[in-house]
């Protein structure tokens, strides 16, 4: 008898045997072997001689009498030992690298007569299944938005430093439709978390009744099964949108099973397709994430009609309230003195933002959000900047209009080329053009001579274009040019003195014989 019969099959054998009172005839009617009929009838008689009494009992009662009384002592001993060891195995499986096969090997060493590996796994699965039952839940449309941070991060490369910047990924989902949103954020800090919630609500285009998350430090200040306490900022967000905040029970991820499962799906539908792509800003990364989410939300379900976007639009969105005109914004206010380099500092990021240089030394009030930085001096807003998104400290946002004139000129000079100096020299005159070209060619690399060219052209501001041209003309006659030479000529007013005749060269005259007369 290779396979144990079910209790309803055993009852059928007994009732048929009671009618026929013959093993062979019963076997022919039921289509089973005579030995099988004989085995079950004899076993039942050992349990209860009156077979009619057995037939009147329930399947459960009959199973307890039949199976439990006929288990071998070895089977009972194995099962008892297995049940004793089971809590230890469950605990050990949580440790890194521990598998069922490893536990089974240790089990067989300690108890050589124990179950084989297949039976070990079967009993393990049976007991674990009883302890970790899952209840199927129906989610009301538009009621809850579940959010969670993915365990794995995405990244982009900073163009200026080449550094790889890791990003947290916030995932939000409506369980009824399974419509999904994800966004890369600089961190899990409360400002970034609130920004992620804002963008999630903006993406879905409506307000749920409840926002559900686990006990993040940015979300919950004190975890409690019945009355968790939420951060002030999250309470402000809830008040702004008129939604209820809820937190899961501690270490109960199934309280938000939809988003837990969706994180795994996001790994497959978003992370995997873009795994070989390189991004140079968090904006580019988020743009690519949205492209993949659009594919995911519009892809048809495998086992039912429609897709996530259709179900959300048809059944959830109509039941939800509209977003208010303004999204909730985290505003922070600090006082800062305008530095001598006409910048104010946001200490939280260690980033610097410029203000007009006339305000150097004055006290400013800086109001900043996730997106903008506003600087007020004497209750008047003097500038507004877009806030830097990267994590690197000591970055600057500088407007050229805020710089003094000499700083602007210096900044221009940093990016100049030879053509810039040549074009200005041409406006002064041909000799100045010749001098600038001469100086530019005197260096191994033209950039080495830019300071000299700048110095020569600055002399026209102190003297004049005409005098500079005259000084350059004197240099051209001597086939020599330098900033120092021209400066000395102008300083000594030599450009205004007529050139003397060269005493060392003969002059042309009809009475003077040349070298040809002596050949």
Protein backbone atom coordinates (compact mmCIF):
# COMPACT_ATOMS: atom_id res chain seq x y z
CA UNK A 1 0.00 0.00 0.00
CA UNK A 2 2.14 2.82 -1.31
CA UNK A 3 -0.21 5.72 -0.78
CA UNK A 4 -2.40 6.40 2.26
CA UNK A 5 -6.08 6.77 1.42
CA UNK A 6 -8.10 9.81 2.41
CA UNK A 7 -10.72 9.41 5.10
CA UNK A 8 -13.62 9.70 2.63
CA UNK A 9 -12.04 6.89 0.57
CA UNK A 10 -11.62 4.71 3.68
CA UNK A 11 -15.31 5.29 4.55
CA UNK A 12 -16.29 4.24 1.03
CA UNK A 13 -14.28 1.00 1.41
CA UNK A 14 -15.92 0.25 4.78
CA UNK A 15 -19.48 0.92 3.62
CA UNK A 16 -19.00 -1.20 0.47
CA UNK A 17 -17.46 -4.03 2.49
CA UNK A 18 -20.33 -3.94 4.97
CA UNK A 19 -22.80 -4.42 2.08
CA UNK A 20 -20.87 -7.23 0.36
CA UNK A 21 -19.01 -8.77 3.33
CA UNK A 22 -16.47 -9.96 0.75
CA UNK A 23 -12.98 -8.62 0.08
CA UNK A 24 -12.84 -9.75 -3.54
CA UNK A 25 -16.27 -8.38 -4.50
CA UNK A 26 -15.55 -5.06 -2.76
CA UNK A 27 -12.24 -4.76 -4.63
CA UNK A 28 -14.01 -5.41 -7.96
CA UNK A 29 -16.70 -2.79 -7.28
CA UNK A 30 -14.25 -0.07 -6.22
CA UNK A 31 -11.53 -0.93 -8.72
CA UNK A 32 -8.75 -1.41 -6.19
CA UNK A 33 -6.71 -4.41 -5.17
CA UNK A 34 -8.09 -7.02 -2.78
CA UNK A 35 -5.03 -6.59 -0.49
CA UNK A 36 -5.78 -2.86 -0.15
CA UNK A 37 -9.36 -3.63 0.90
CA UNK A 38 -8.18 -6.28 3.35
CA UNK A 39 -5.51 -3.98 4.85
CA UNK A 40 -7.88 -1.08 5.55
CA UNK A 41 -10.72 -3.26 6.84
CA UNK A 42 -8.39 -5.08 9.25
CA UNK A 43 -6.83 -1.79 10.45
CA UNK A 44 -10.27 -0.34 11.09
CA UNK A 45 -11.33 -3.45 13.01
CA UNK A 46 -8.28 -3.10 15.26
CA UNK A 47 -9.35 0.48 16.01
CA UNK A 48 -13.04 -0.36 16.42
CA UNK A 49 -14.50 -3.86 15.90
CA UNK A 50 -17.92 -2.37 15.07
CA UNK A 51 -17.37 -0.87 11.60
CA UNK A 52 -20.83 0.77 11.61
CA UNK A 53 -19.70 2.78 14.64
CA UNK A 54 -16.68 4.01 12.73
CA UNK A 55 -18.82 5.13 9.79
CA UNK A 56 -20.95 7.31 12.09
CA UNK A 57 -17.94 9.30 13.27
CA UNK A 58 -16.70 12.49 11.58
CA UNK A 59 -13.68 12.48 9.27
CA UNK A 60 -11.65 14.38 11.85
CA UNK A 61 -12.42 11.93 14.66
CA UNK A 62 -11.80 8.96 12.43
CA UNK A 63 -8.46 10.41 11.25
CA UNK A 64 -7.29 10.92 14.83
CA UNK A 65 -8.18 7.33 15.74
CA UNK A 66 -6.90 5.76 12.59
CA UNK A 67 -3.65 7.60 11.89
CA UNK A 68 -2.46 8.50 15.37
CA UNK A 69 -2.97 4.99 16.68
CA UNK A 70 -1.13 3.46 13.80
CA UNK A 71 1.94 5.62 13.63
CA UNK A 72 5.05 3.73 14.44
CA UNK A 73 6.96 4.64 17.54
CA UNK A 74 9.81 5.82 15.30
CA UNK A 75 7.53 8.22 13.41
CA UNK A 76 6.14 9.64 16.63
CA UNK A 77 9.61 10.07 18.05
CA UNK A 78 10.84 11.78 14.88
CA UNK A 79 7.92 14.19 14.82
CA UNK A 80 8.27 15.01 18.51
CA UNK A 81 11.99 15.70 18.08
CA UNK A 82 11.31 17.81 14.99
CA UNK A 83 8.75 19.97 16.81
CA UNK A 84 11.18 20.58 19.67
CA UNK A 85 13.96 21.71 17.32
CA UNK A 86 11.76 23.81 15.04
CA UNK A 87 11.82 27.16 16.98
CA UNK A 88 15.64 27.05 17.01
CA UNK A 89 15.76 26.50 13.24
CA UNK A 90 13.43 29.43 12.58
CA UNK A 91 15.71 31.66 14.63
CA UNK A 92 18.86 30.39 12.90
CA UNK A 93 17.45 30.98 9.40
CA UNK A 94 17.50 34.73 10.08
CA UNK A 95 21.27 34.67 10.34
CA UNK A 96 23.45 35.45 7.34
CA UNK A 97 24.29 32.44 5.17
CA UNK A 98 22.15 29.90 7.08
CA UNK A 99 20.02 27.66 4.81
CA UNK A 100 17.60 24.79 5.35
CA UNK A 101 20.11 22.37 3.87
CA UNK A 102 22.76 23.43 6.40
CA UNK A 103 20.28 23.01 9.25
CA UNK A 104 19.25 19.58 7.93
CA UNK A 105 22.88 18.40 7.83
CA UNK A 106 23.39 19.49 11.43
CA UNK A 107 20.08 17.82 12.33
CA UNK A 108 21.13 14.47 10.80
CA UNK A 109 24.47 14.57 12.60
CA UNK A 110 22.70 15.12 15.92
CA UNK A 111 19.87 12.70 15.10
CA UNK A 112 20.92 10.11 12.44
CA UNK A 113 17.46 8.48 12.41
CA UNK A 114 15.77 11.79 11.59
CA UNK A 115 13.92 12.76 8.43
CA UNK A 116 15.55 12.83 5.00
CA UNK A 117 15.97 16.22 3.34
CA UNK A 118 12.67 16.14 1.38
CA UNK A 119 10.64 15.12 4.44
CA UNK A 120 12.51 17.68 6.54
CA UNK A 121 11.50 20.46 4.13
CA UNK A 122 7.93 19.15 3.92
CA UNK A 123 7.46 19.19 7.71
CA UNK A 124 9.22 22.56 7.94
CA UNK A 125 6.89 24.04 5.33
CA UNK A 126 3.81 22.57 7.02
CA UNK A 127 4.60 23.96 10.47
CA UNK A 128 5.84 27.31 9.15
CA UNK A 129 2.67 27.65 7.08
CA UNK A 130 0.53 27.28 10.20
CA UNK A 131 2.55 29.95 12.00
CA UNK A 132 2.64 32.53 9.21
CA UNK A 133 -0.78 32.52 7.63
CA UNK A 134 -1.66 35.23 5.14
CA UNK A 135 -5.11 36.78 4.93
CA UNK A 136 -6.31 38.08 1.58
CA UNK A 137 -7.38 41.71 1.96
CA UNK A 138 -9.66 43.80 -0.21
CA UNK A 139 -8.54 47.41 -0.54
CA UNK A 140 -11.12 50.15 -0.91
CA UNK A 141 -10.48 52.32 -4.01
CA UNK A 142 -8.66 55.60 -3.34
CA UNK A 143 -8.48 55.03 0.42
CA UNK A 144 -4.80 54.43 1.20
CA UNK A 145 -1.52 55.47 -0.37
CA UNK A 146 1.24 53.17 0.92
CA UNK A 147 4.83 54.47 0.84
CA UNK A 148 8.20 52.91 1.56
CA UNK A 149 11.87 53.44 0.78
CA UNK A 150 13.48 50.79 -1.42
CA UNK A 151 16.31 48.89 0.22
CA UNK A 152 18.59 49.30 -2.80
CA UNK A 153 19.77 52.67 -4.08
CA UNK A 154 20.25 54.31 -7.48
CA UNK A 155 23.07 56.73 -8.30
CA UNK A 156 24.35 59.43 -10.62
CA UNK A 157 27.79 60.93 -11.32
CA UNK A 158 28.73 64.48 -10.37
CA UNK A 159 30.14 66.10 -13.52
CA UNK A 160 32.49 68.42 -11.63
CA UNK A 161 34.07 65.92 -9.25
CA UNK A 162 33.37 62.57 -10.91
CA UNK A 163 31.97 61.32 -7.59
CA UNK A 164 29.22 58.70 -7.61
CA UNK A 165 26.26 60.07 -5.61
CA UNK A 166 23.88 57.47 -4.13
CA UNK A 167 20.17 58.25 -3.98
CA UNK A 168 17.36 56.84 -1.87
CA UNK A 169 14.26 55.74 -3.81
CA UNK A 170 10.77 56.35 -2.38
CA UNK A 171 8.01 54.10 -3.74
CA UNK A 172 4.29 54.91 -3.43
CA UNK A 173 1.35 52.73 -4.51
CA UNK A 174 -2.44 52.63 -4.32
CA UNK A 175 -3.22 48.98 -3.38
CA UNK A 176 -6.57 48.76 -5.21
CA UNK A 177 -5.19 49.55 -8.68
CA UNK A 178 -1.50 48.93 -7.93
CA UNK A 179 -0.65 52.18 -9.74
CA UNK A 180 2.91 53.02 -8.78
CA UNK A 181 5.14 56.06 -8.35
CA UNK A 182 8.85 56.20 -7.51
CA UNK A 183 11.31 59.06 -7.07
CA UNK A 184 15.04 59.30 -6.32
CA UNK A 185 15.82 61.54 -3.33
CA UNK A 186 19.13 62.75 -1.87
CA UNK A 187 18.40 61.13 1.51
CA UNK A 188 15.71 59.83 3.86
CA UNK A 189 15.83 63.04 5.89
CA UNK A 190 12.52 64.63 6.69
CA UNK A 191 12.81 67.42 4.08
CA UNK A 192 13.49 64.92 1.31
CA UNK A 193 10.80 62.56 2.60
CA UNK A 194 8.17 65.33 2.59
CA UNK A 195 9.29 66.36 -0.89
CA UNK A 196 8.83 62.74 -2.00
CA UNK A 197 5.29 62.67 -0.53
CA UNK A 198 4.49 65.92 -2.32
CA UNK A 199 5.67 64.56 -5.65
CA UNK A 200 3.76 61.32 -5.08
CA UNK A 201 0.48 63.16 -4.51
CA UNK A 202 1.18 65.42 -7.48
CA UNK A 203 1.78 62.36 -9.67
CA UNK A 204 -1.48 60.66 -8.62
CA UNK A 205 -3.36 63.95 -8.97
CA UNK A 206 -5.63 63.39 -5.97
CA UNK A 207 -5.72 62.97 -2.21
CA UNK A 208 -6.15 59.61 -0.44
CA UNK A 209 -7.86 59.36 2.92
CA UNK A 210 -4.77 57.80 4.53
CA UNK A 211 -1.01 57.85 4.01
CA UNK A 212 0.53 54.65 5.38
CA UNK A 213 4.24 54.11 6.00
CA UNK A 214 6.42 52.13 8.35
CA UNK A 215 8.10 53.73 11.36
CA UNK A 216 10.68 55.89 9.55
CA UNK A 217 12.50 58.40 11.70
CA UNK A 218 11.36 61.09 9.27
CA UNK A 219 7.75 59.97 9.75
CA UNK A 220 7.32 58.75 13.33
CA UNK A 221 8.87 60.13 16.50
CA UNK A 222 7.43 57.43 18.77
CA UNK A 223 6.22 54.07 17.49
CA UNK A 224 3.09 52.63 19.06
CA UNK A 225 0.65 50.00 17.85
CA UNK A 226 -2.38 52.14 18.65
CA UNK A 227 -1.25 55.78 18.88
CA UNK A 228 2.06 56.47 17.11
CA UNK A 229 3.38 60.03 17.26
CA UNK A 230 4.34 61.64 13.99
CA UNK A 231 6.94 64.32 13.27
CA UNK A 232 5.76 67.92 13.37
CA UNK A 233 6.45 68.38 9.69
CA UNK A 234 4.40 65.33 8.71
CA UNK A 235 1.56 66.57 10.92
CA UNK A 236 1.72 69.90 9.10
CA UNK A 237 1.58 68.06 5.77
CA UNK A 238 -1.43 66.03 6.95
CA UNK A 239 -3.17 69.22 8.08
CA UNK A 240 -2.41 70.95 4.78
CA UNK A 241 -3.89 68.12 2.70
CA UNK A 242 -6.47 67.02 5.30
CA UNK A 243 -5.37 63.40 5.22
CA UNK A 244 -4.84 60.89 8.02
CA UNK A 245 -1.39 59.53 8.83
CA UNK A 246 -0.97 55.88 9.81
CA UNK A 247 2.09 53.81 10.68
CA UNK A 248 2.48 50.05 10.49
CA UNK A 249 3.08 47.92 13.55
CA UNK A 250 6.74 47.50 14.39
CA UNK A 251 8.32 44.63 12.42
CA UNK A 252 5.06 43.90 10.60
CA UNK A 253 5.85 44.52 6.93
CA UNK A 254 2.64 42.78 5.85
CA UNK A 255 0.72 45.79 7.17
CA UNK A 256 1.82 47.46 3.94
CA UNK A 257 2.25 44.38 1.80
CA UNK A 258 1.30 46.16 -1.45
CA UNK A 259 4.20 48.58 -1.35
CA UNK A 260 6.57 45.89 -0.04
CA UNK A 261 5.76 43.76 -3.09
CA UNK A 262 5.88 46.78 -5.37
CA UNK A 263 9.43 47.59 -4.28
CA UNK A 264 10.45 44.20 -5.68
CA UNK A 265 8.53 44.97 -8.88
CA UNK A 266 10.26 48.36 -9.15
CA UNK A 267 13.61 46.56 -9.01
CA UNK A 268 12.52 44.55 -12.06
CA UNK A 269 10.65 47.24 -14.00
CA UNK A 270 12.82 50.31 -13.22
CA UNK A 271 16.20 49.36 -11.77
CA UNK A 272 16.96 46.52 -14.20
CA UNK A 273 16.20 48.35 -17.50
CA UNK A 274 18.38 51.36 -16.57
CA UNK A 275 21.16 49.45 -14.82
CA UNK A 276 23.74 50.14 -17.58
CA UNK A 277 22.84 53.81 -18.10
CA UNK A 278 24.88 56.72 -16.70
CA UNK A 279 23.22 59.81 -15.26
CA UNK A 280 24.83 63.14 -14.39
CA UNK A 281 22.12 64.67 -12.21
CA UNK A 282 19.28 63.56 -9.98
CA UNK A 283 16.87 65.31 -12.37
CA UNK A 284 18.04 63.15 -15.29
CA UNK A 285 17.74 60.05 -13.11
CA UNK A 286 14.17 60.89 -12.06
CA UNK A 287 13.19 61.66 -15.64
CA UNK A 288 14.32 58.17 -16.67
CA UNK A 289 12.51 56.61 -13.71
CA UNK A 290 9.26 58.26 -14.84
CA UNK A 291 9.67 56.83 -18.34
CA UNK A 292 9.95 53.31 -16.95
CA UNK A 293 7.02 53.88 -14.57
CA UNK A 294 4.84 54.93 -17.51
CA UNK A 295 5.61 51.60 -19.21
CA UNK A 296 4.94 49.71 -15.97
CA UNK A 297 1.61 51.44 -15.18
CA UNK A 298 0.30 51.07 -18.74
CA UNK A 299 1.30 47.43 -19.20
CA UNK A 300 -1.69 45.05 -19.26
CA UNK A 301 -2.22 42.67 -16.36
CA UNK A 302 -1.41 39.03 -17.04
CA UNK A 303 -4.42 37.44 -15.34
CA UNK A 304 -7.12 40.12 -15.61
CA UNK A 305 -8.27 42.83 -17.97
CA UNK A 306 -6.91 46.38 -18.07
CA UNK A 307 -3.81 47.95 -16.56
CA UNK A 308 -2.89 49.92 -13.45
CA UNK A 309 -3.50 53.35 -14.98
CA UNK A 310 -6.93 52.39 -16.34
CA UNK A 311 -8.15 50.92 -13.06
CA UNK A 312 -6.83 53.92 -11.12
CA UNK A 313 -8.48 56.41 -13.51
CA UNK A 314 -11.81 54.57 -13.64
CA UNK A 315 -12.28 53.40 -10.05
CA UNK A 316 -9.95 55.31 -7.70
CA UNK A 317 -9.42 58.84 -8.95
CA UNK A 318 -13.18 59.70 -9.12
CA UNK A 319 -13.49 58.88 -5.39
CA UNK A 320 -10.55 61.07 -4.35
CA UNK A 321 -10.45 64.75 -3.46
CA UNK A 322 -8.55 67.19 -5.68
CA UNK A 323 -5.18 68.54 -4.64
CA UNK A 324 -5.10 72.09 -3.23
CA UNK A 325 -3.71 74.84 -5.44
CA UNK A 326 -0.39 74.90 -3.59
CA UNK A 327 1.65 71.86 -2.66
CA UNK A 328 2.86 71.70 0.92
CA UNK A 329 6.30 73.26 1.23
CA UNK A 330 8.84 72.96 3.99
CA UNK A 331 10.04 76.50 4.67
CA UNK A 332 13.02 77.19 6.87
CA UNK A 333 14.19 80.62 8.03
CA UNK A 334 17.71 81.46 9.13
CA UNK A 335 19.70 84.62 9.77
CA UNK A 336 22.98 85.06 7.95
CA UNK A 337 25.50 87.85 7.52
CA UNK A 338 26.47 88.72 3.95
CA UNK A 339 30.11 87.68 3.65
CA UNK A 340 32.90 89.78 2.14
CA UNK A 341 32.62 87.61 -0.98
CA UNK A 342 28.94 88.82 -1.25
CA UNK A 343 27.46 85.37 -0.49
CA UNK A 344 25.22 84.04 2.29
CA UNK A 345 25.60 80.52 3.62
CA UNK A 346 22.95 77.88 4.31
CA UNK A 347 24.61 75.95 7.13
CA UNK A 348 22.46 72.84 6.68
CA UNK A 349 23.97 72.20 3.21
CA UNK A 350 27.15 74.29 3.45
CA UNK A 351 26.18 75.92 0.16
CA UNK A 352 26.61 79.61 -0.70
CA UNK A 353 24.28 81.94 -2.64
CA UNK A 354 25.23 85.39 -3.97
CA UNK A 355 23.58 88.74 -3.25
CA UNK A 356 24.46 92.16 -4.77
CA UNK A 357 27.90 93.19 -3.48
CA UNK A 358 26.51 96.49 -2.11
CA UNK A 359 24.99 94.50 0.78
CA UNK A 360 28.28 93.08 2.05
CA UNK A 361 28.39 93.05 5.85
CA UNK A 362 24.63 93.42 6.30
CA UNK A 363 22.40 91.02 8.21
CA UNK A 364 20.10 88.97 5.95
CA UNK A 365 17.10 86.72 6.50
CA UNK A 366 17.20 83.62 4.31
CA UNK A 367 13.99 81.69 3.62
CA UNK A 368 14.56 78.43 1.78
CA UNK A 369 12.51 75.46 0.63
CA UNK A 370 13.36 72.27 -1.22
CA UNK A 371 13.37 74.23 -4.48
CA UNK A 372 14.24 77.88 -3.82
CA UNK A 373 16.40 80.20 -1.69
CA UNK A 374 15.16 83.75 -0.99
CA UNK A 375 17.33 86.41 0.62
CA UNK A 376 15.71 89.36 2.43
CA UNK A 377 17.57 92.45 3.68
CA UNK A 378 15.68 95.14 5.59
CA UNK A 379 12.43 93.22 4.94
CA UNK A 380 12.94 93.49 1.18
CA UNK A 381 13.69 90.51 -1.01
CA UNK A 382 16.89 91.22 -2.90
CA UNK A 383 17.39 87.92 -4.72
CA UNK A 384 15.89 84.47 -5.30
CA UNK A 385 17.93 81.41 -6.35
CA UNK A 386 17.17 77.81 -7.26
CA UNK A 387 18.43 75.63 -4.43
CA UNK A 388 21.33 73.28 -5.14
CA UNK A 389 20.33 69.61 -5.07
CA UNK A 390 23.69 67.83 -4.72
CA UNK A 391 25.19 66.60 -1.46
CA UNK A 392 28.68 68.02 -2.03
CA UNK A 393 29.48 70.83 0.37
CA UNK A 394 30.89 74.28 -0.37
CA UNK A 395 29.15 74.75 -3.71
CA UNK A 396 28.36 78.29 -4.88
CA UNK A 397 25.59 79.91 -6.87
CA UNK A 398 26.89 83.25 -8.15
CA UNK A 399 25.17 85.75 -10.45
CA UNK A 400 27.55 87.96 -12.46
CA UNK A 401 25.30 90.97 -11.84
CA UNK A 402 26.03 90.66 -8.12
CA UNK A 403 29.80 91.03 -8.64
CA UNK A 404 31.67 94.36 -8.55
CA UNK A 405 32.98 95.64 -11.89
CA UNK A 406 36.61 94.62 -11.34
CA UNK A 407 35.55 91.08 -10.37
CA UNK A 408 33.46 90.84 -13.52
CA UNK A 409 36.44 91.94 -15.61
CA UNK A 410 38.69 89.41 -13.89
CA UNK A 411 36.13 86.70 -14.57
CA UNK A 412 36.04 87.69 -18.21
CA UNK A 413 39.82 87.52 -18.46
CA UNK A 414 39.79 83.93 -17.19
CA UNK A 415 37.94 82.85 -20.29
CA UNK A 416 39.71 85.02 -22.89
CA UNK A 417 41.39 83.89 -26.08
CA UNK A 418 44.10 85.53 -28.28
CA UNK A 419 41.40 86.77 -30.66
CA UNK A 420 39.93 88.88 -27.84
CA UNK A 421 43.16 90.91 -27.35
CA UNK A 422 43.81 91.17 -31.10
CA UNK A 423 40.33 92.57 -31.78
CA UNK A 424 40.79 95.32 -29.14
CA UNK A 425 44.31 96.13 -30.43
CA UNK A 426 42.96 96.61 -33.95
CA UNK A 427 40.60 99.28 -32.62
CA UNK A 428 43.58 101.21 -31.16
CA UNK A 429 45.82 101.13 -34.24
CA UNK A 430 48.14 99.05 -36.47
CA UNK A 431 51.20 99.44 -34.22
CA UNK A 432 49.25 98.30 -31.17
CA UNK A 433 48.00 95.36 -33.22
CA UNK A 434 51.61 94.54 -34.11
CA UNK A 435 52.73 94.75 -30.44
CA UNK A 436 49.93 92.44 -29.20
CA UNK A 437 50.74 89.89 -31.89
CA UNK A 438 54.43 90.12 -30.98
CA UNK A 439 53.70 89.52 -27.28
CA UNK A 440 51.32 86.62 -28.01
CA UNK A 441 54.01 84.91 -30.10
CA UNK A 442 56.69 85.40 -27.45
CA UNK A 443 55.29 82.71 -25.09
CA UNK A 444 55.44 78.95 -25.48
CA UNK A 445 51.66 79.00 -25.12
CA UNK A 446 49.51 82.11 -25.85
CA UNK A 447 47.81 81.86 -22.44
CA UNK A 448 51.15 82.61 -20.77
CA UNK A 449 51.13 86.09 -22.35
CA UNK A 450 47.54 87.09 -21.56
CA UNK A 451 48.55 89.12 -18.49
CA UNK A 452 51.07 91.17 -20.54
CA UNK A 453 48.46 91.80 -23.25
CA UNK A 454 45.95 92.83 -20.59
CA UNK A 455 48.52 95.23 -19.11
CA UNK A 456 49.29 96.86 -22.48
CA UNK A 457 45.63 97.41 -23.30
CA UNK A 458 44.90 98.79 -19.81
CA UNK A 459 47.41 101.60 -20.48
CA UNK A 460 44.94 103.23 -22.87
CA UNK A 461 42.64 103.92 -19.90
CA UNK A 462 45.38 105.85 -18.06
CA UNK A 463 46.79 107.66 -21.10
CA UNK A 464 44.87 107.47 -24.38
CA UNK A 465 44.51 105.38 -27.51
CA UNK A 466 46.66 107.87 -29.45
CA UNK A 467 49.55 107.84 -26.97
CA UNK A 468 49.44 104.04 -26.68
CA UNK A 469 49.60 103.77 -30.47
CA UNK A 470 52.60 106.14 -30.57
CA UNK A 471 54.41 104.16 -27.88
CA UNK A 472 53.73 100.93 -29.74
CA UNK A 473 55.02 102.54 -32.93
CA UNK A 474 58.38 103.30 -31.24
CA UNK A 475 58.58 99.64 -30.19
CA UNK A 476 57.72 98.51 -33.70
CA UNK A 477 60.58 100.58 -35.15
CA UNK A 478 62.98 98.77 -32.80
CA UNK A 479 61.32 95.39 -33.43
CA UNK A 480 60.83 94.81 -29.72
CA UNK A 481 57.65 94.71 -27.62
CA UNK A 482 56.84 94.20 -23.93
CA UNK A 483 54.48 95.64 -21.39
CA UNK A 484 57.35 97.11 -19.33
CA UNK A 485 58.91 98.82 -22.38
CA UNK A 486 55.65 100.46 -23.43
CA UNK A 487 54.85 101.48 -19.84
CA UNK A 488 58.26 103.21 -19.50
CA UNK A 489 57.84 105.03 -22.82
CA UNK A 490 54.50 106.44 -21.71
CA UNK A 491 55.70 107.20 -18.18
CA UNK A 492 58.70 109.22 -19.52
CA UNK A 493 56.61 110.81 -22.26
CA UNK A 494 58.98 109.42 -24.90
CA UNK A 495 56.02 108.78 -27.17
CA UNK A 496 55.71 112.60 -27.53
CA UNK A 497 59.40 113.13 -28.46
CA UNK A 498 60.44 112.99 -32.14
CA UNK A 499 62.60 110.01 -33.07
CA UNK A 500 66.38 110.90 -33.35
CA UNK A 501 68.39 109.96 -36.44
CA UNK A 502 70.43 106.82 -36.16
CA UNK A 503 74.08 107.99 -35.83
CA UNK A 504 75.50 104.59 -36.64
CA UNK A 505 74.04 104.16 -40.12
CA UNK A 506 75.18 106.17 -43.23
CA UNK A 507 72.71 108.42 -44.98
CA UNK A 508 71.99 108.48 -48.70
CA UNK A 509 73.83 111.34 -50.56
CA UNK A 510 75.17 111.77 -54.11
CA UNK A 511 78.67 112.72 -52.94
CA UNK A 512 79.03 109.68 -50.70
CA UNK A 513 80.42 106.60 -52.33
CA UNK A 514 79.03 103.27 -51.47
CA UNK A 515 80.76 99.90 -51.12
CA UNK A 516 80.40 99.28 -54.86
CA UNK A 517 83.03 101.94 -55.52
CA UNK A 518 85.65 99.74 -53.82
CA UNK A 519 84.88 96.46 -55.53
